[in-house]
Amino acid sequence: MTFPTDKWGVPSRMFGAVDDDFYGLVGRIALVAALLEDRLYVLYGQLALKPQDELATAHGSATTLDRLAGAPGTQLVGECRKLLHRFWPDYRDEAEVFLNDSASALQGRHEIVHSLWPFSKAEQVRGWRHVPPRKRQERDRPVEWTSLTAEQLPELLAELVRLVARCTSRVEGWVQLAPQRPASSRITDTGPFHCRDNRI
C-alpha cells in the first residue's frame, strides 16, 4: 500500500496532516538556535583567549576552545558562566541575564526539535518525546508530552532572534580585554548587548 507524500517526499503516514507553517516554524527555530550556539562559541572564545594571558594559560584556553567546538549550546552557556568575571563589571549582571535567557531558549528548542508532533497545526500542537531517567518528571513515565499554543512557537523564534542579535553586536565590547579601560571609552549610549542594525 502506498501513501501520499508532501512536496518534499514525506509520507502522510509518518506524521499525518501537518501544516507547512508548523514545519516552517520548527525549521526556523532549529536554524536560528544553531546560529545562537555559534555566537555563544565565539563569545566563549573572546572570554577564554584574553591577550594579556600568559602563553601557557592561553594554550590551555585554546585547547578548551577546540574541545568545545560543536558543543551543545547549554554547555557553552555553562562555560561562559564560569568566566563571568571576565565581562566588564558594569555589564556582568546584564551578561548573566543574557546567558540565562539563552539557556532557557535553547532548552525550548531542544524540547521542540527532539519531540514528535503528529497531526500538528500551527494554531495548536501536542507532541511527545522519550526522556532519560534523570530528567523524568515522574520516575515511571519515560514519555513526556508537551502542548503548545499558536503563540508559543513564534514567541520562541522571536526570542532566539533577539538573543542572536544581542550576542552578535560588538562582542568585543562585552569582554574585559585589558587590565584597565578608560572610563571615556566605555559603551554608555546603547550598552554592550544593543544591536543597532540587527545584523546577524
Protein backbone atom coordinates (compact mmCIF):
# COMPACT_ATOMS: atom_id res chain seq x y z
CA MET A 1 0.00 0.00 0.00
CA THR A 2 1.36 3.42 -0.91
CA PHE A 3 0.70 6.60 0.99
CA PRO A 4 0.59 10.12 -0.40
CA THR A 5 3.56 12.35 0.28
CA ASP A 6 4.00 16.08 0.61
CA LYS A 7 6.02 18.01 -1.96
CA TRP A 8 9.25 17.14 -0.13
CA GLY A 9 8.57 13.41 -0.12
CA VAL A 10 7.44 12.92 3.50
CA PRO A 11 4.70 10.24 3.57
CA SER A 12 1.45 11.22 5.27
CA ARG A 13 1.59 8.05 7.38
CA MET A 14 4.60 9.41 9.31
CA PHE A 15 3.03 12.45 10.97
CA GLY A 16 -0.43 12.73 9.48
CA ALA A 17 -1.57 16.09 8.15
CA VAL A 18 0.94 18.69 9.33
CA ASP A 19 0.71 22.36 8.37
CA ASP A 20 3.56 23.77 6.30
CA ASP A 21 3.53 26.73 8.70
CA PHE A 22 4.35 24.35 11.54
CA TYR A 23 7.24 22.83 9.60
CA GLY A 24 8.43 26.34 8.79
CA LEU A 25 8.39 27.43 12.43
CA VAL A 26 10.22 24.33 13.68
CA GLY A 27 12.82 24.64 10.93
CA ARG A 28 13.46 28.30 11.67
CA ILE A 29 13.70 27.61 15.41
CA ALA A 30 16.33 24.94 14.71
CA LEU A 31 18.32 27.16 12.33
CA VAL A 32 18.31 30.29 14.48
CA ALA A 33 19.18 28.25 17.58
CA ALA A 34 22.18 26.81 15.72
CA LEU A 35 23.25 30.38 14.96
CA LEU A 36 22.90 31.28 18.65
CA GLU A 37 25.10 28.32 19.56
CA ASP A 38 27.71 29.57 17.10
CA ARG A 39 27.58 33.04 18.67
CA LEU A 40 27.96 31.56 22.16
CA TYR A 41 31.04 29.67 20.97
CA VAL A 42 32.52 32.93 19.64
CA LEU A 43 31.69 34.65 22.93
CA TYR A 44 33.40 31.88 24.89
CA GLY A 45 36.48 32.33 22.72
CA GLN A 46 36.50 36.06 23.49
CA LEU A 47 36.27 35.29 27.20
CA ALA A 48 38.83 32.47 27.25
CA LEU A 49 41.54 33.86 24.98
CA LYS A 50 42.45 37.15 26.62
CA PRO A 51 45.50 38.85 25.04
CA GLN A 52 47.13 39.51 28.42
CA ASP A 53 47.04 35.84 29.42
CA GLU A 54 50.32 34.09 29.89
CA LEU A 55 51.34 31.82 27.00
CA ALA A 56 50.72 28.59 28.92
CA THR A 57 47.27 29.74 30.02
CA ALA A 58 46.42 30.86 26.50
CA HIS A 59 47.50 27.47 25.15
CA GLY A 60 45.24 25.74 27.66
CA SER A 61 42.37 28.03 26.71
CA ALA A 62 42.87 27.23 23.03
CA THR A 63 42.76 23.52 23.84
CA THR A 64 39.49 24.03 25.71
CA LEU A 65 38.12 26.04 22.80
CA ASP A 66 38.88 23.14 20.45
CA ARG A 67 37.23 20.74 22.87
CA LEU A 68 34.05 22.82 22.94
CA ALA A 69 33.75 23.08 19.14
CA GLY A 70 30.30 21.73 18.31
CA ALA A 71 29.27 21.51 21.97
CA PRO A 72 25.57 21.92 22.85
CA GLY A 73 24.50 25.49 23.46
CA THR A 74 23.58 24.84 27.07
CA GLN A 75 27.10 23.57 27.71
CA LEU A 76 28.55 26.70 26.11
CA VAL A 77 26.33 28.82 28.36
CA GLY A 78 27.73 26.97 31.37
CA GLU A 79 31.31 27.55 30.23
CA CYS A 80 30.63 31.26 29.70
CA ARG A 81 29.14 31.47 33.20
CA LYS A 82 32.41 30.15 34.63
CA LEU A 83 34.16 33.15 33.04
CA LEU A 84 31.58 35.72 34.04
CA HIS A 85 34.30 37.65 35.89
CA ARG A 86 35.87 38.47 32.53
CA PHE A 87 32.92 40.57 31.44
CA TRP A 88 33.26 44.26 32.19
CA PRO A 89 31.97 44.81 35.77
CA ASP A 90 29.36 47.30 34.60
CA TYR A 91 27.80 44.68 32.35
CA ARG A 92 28.10 41.41 34.30
CA ASP A 93 24.52 41.44 35.55
CA GLU A 94 23.21 42.05 32.05
CA ALA A 95 25.50 39.37 30.65
CA GLU A 96 24.23 36.90 33.24
CA VAL A 97 20.63 37.65 32.21
CA PHE A 98 21.61 37.09 28.58
CA LEU A 99 23.17 33.71 29.41
CA ASN A 100 20.14 32.66 31.47
CA ASP A 101 17.78 33.67 28.66
CA SER A 102 19.91 31.77 26.15
CA ALA A 103 19.84 28.60 28.26
CA SER A 104 16.06 28.82 28.57
CA ALA A 105 15.52 29.40 24.85
CA LEU A 106 17.87 26.59 23.86
CA GLN A 107 16.07 24.22 26.22
CA GLY A 108 12.83 25.17 24.46
CA ARG A 109 14.46 24.43 21.11
CA HIS A 110 15.63 21.05 22.41
CA GLU A 111 12.15 20.06 23.54
CA ILE A 112 10.63 21.03 20.18
CA VAL A 113 13.28 19.58 17.86
CA HIS A 114 13.51 16.28 19.75
CA SER A 115 9.77 15.70 20.07
CA LEU A 116 7.31 14.04 17.69
CA TRP A 117 4.41 16.22 16.61
CA PRO A 118 1.77 14.12 14.81
CA PHE A 119 -1.19 15.87 13.17
CA SER A 120 0.21 19.27 14.14
CA LYS A 121 -1.35 22.55 13.16
CA ALA A 122 0.35 25.89 13.72
CA GLU A 123 -2.52 27.03 15.96
CA GLN A 124 -2.37 24.10 18.41
CA VAL A 125 0.19 21.31 18.70
CA ARG A 126 0.81 18.43 21.08
CA GLY A 127 3.96 16.37 20.92
CA TRP A 128 5.88 13.81 22.91
CA ARG A 129 9.43 12.60 23.43
CA HIS A 130 11.29 9.96 25.41
CA VAL A 131 13.10 11.33 28.45
CA PRO A 132 16.11 9.73 30.22
CA PRO A 133 15.51 8.65 33.85
CA ARG A 134 17.44 11.53 35.40
CA LYS A 135 15.22 14.10 33.62
CA ARG A 136 11.82 12.49 34.08
CA GLN A 137 9.19 14.45 35.93
CA GLU A 138 7.75 11.15 37.13
CA ARG A 139 10.07 8.19 37.65
CA ASP A 140 7.86 5.61 35.93
CA ARG A 141 6.90 7.76 32.92
CA PRO A 142 9.54 7.61 30.18
CA VAL A 143 7.46 9.76 27.81
CA GLU A 144 6.85 13.48 28.28
CA TRP A 145 4.04 15.28 26.48
CA THR A 146 4.14 18.94 25.53
CA SER A 147 1.23 21.11 24.41
CA LEU A 148 1.84 24.43 22.69
CA THR A 149 -0.49 27.24 21.71
CA ALA A 150 -0.41 29.26 18.50
CA GLU A 151 1.63 31.98 20.19
CA GLN A 152 4.35 29.90 21.84
CA LEU A 153 6.28 28.74 18.77
CA PRO A 154 6.52 32.24 17.23
CA GLU A 155 7.43 33.65 20.64
CA LEU A 156 10.31 31.19 21.00
CA LEU A 157 11.51 32.00 17.49
CA ALA A 158 11.37 35.75 18.24
CA GLU A 159 13.32 35.22 21.46
CA LEU A 160 16.04 33.28 19.64
CA VAL A 161 16.30 36.01 17.01
CA ARG A 162 16.59 38.63 19.76
CA LEU A 163 19.33 36.69 21.55
CA VAL A 164 21.35 36.24 18.35
CA ALA A 165 21.14 39.97 17.70
CA ARG A 166 22.34 40.74 21.21
CA CYS A 167 25.24 38.32 21.02
CA THR A 168 26.29 39.44 17.54
CA SER A 169 26.61 43.14 18.16
CA ARG A 170 30.12 44.23 19.14
CA VAL A 171 31.05 41.13 21.13
CA GLU A 172 34.42 42.68 21.93
CA GLY A 173 32.66 45.41 23.89
CA TRP A 174 31.40 42.94 26.49
CA VAL A 175 34.71 41.43 27.50
CA GLN A 176 37.47 42.80 29.68
CA LEU A 177 40.38 42.50 27.24
CA ALA A 178 42.80 44.65 29.21
CA PRO A 179 43.54 45.16 32.93
CA GLN A 180 42.04 48.67 32.83
CA ARG A 181 39.94 50.64 30.40
CA PRO A 182 39.46 54.42 30.37
CA ALA A 183 36.00 55.43 31.53
CA SER A 184 35.60 57.61 28.45
CA SER A 185 35.92 54.57 26.18
CA ARG A 186 33.16 52.56 27.81
CA ILE A 187 29.98 51.92 25.91
CA THR A 188 27.38 54.11 27.58
CA ASP A 189 24.96 55.06 24.82
CA THR A 190 23.49 51.70 23.97
CA GLY A 191 25.08 49.07 26.22
CA PRO A 192 27.06 46.03 25.12
CA PHE A 193 24.03 43.97 24.09
CA HIS A 194 22.46 46.55 21.80
CA CYS A 195 22.28 45.74 18.09
CA ARG A 196 21.99 48.95 16.13
CA ASP A 197 21.08 47.45 12.78
CA ASN A 198 20.03 43.90 13.71
CA ARG A 199 22.91 42.45 11.77
CA ILE A 200 23.49 38.73 12.08
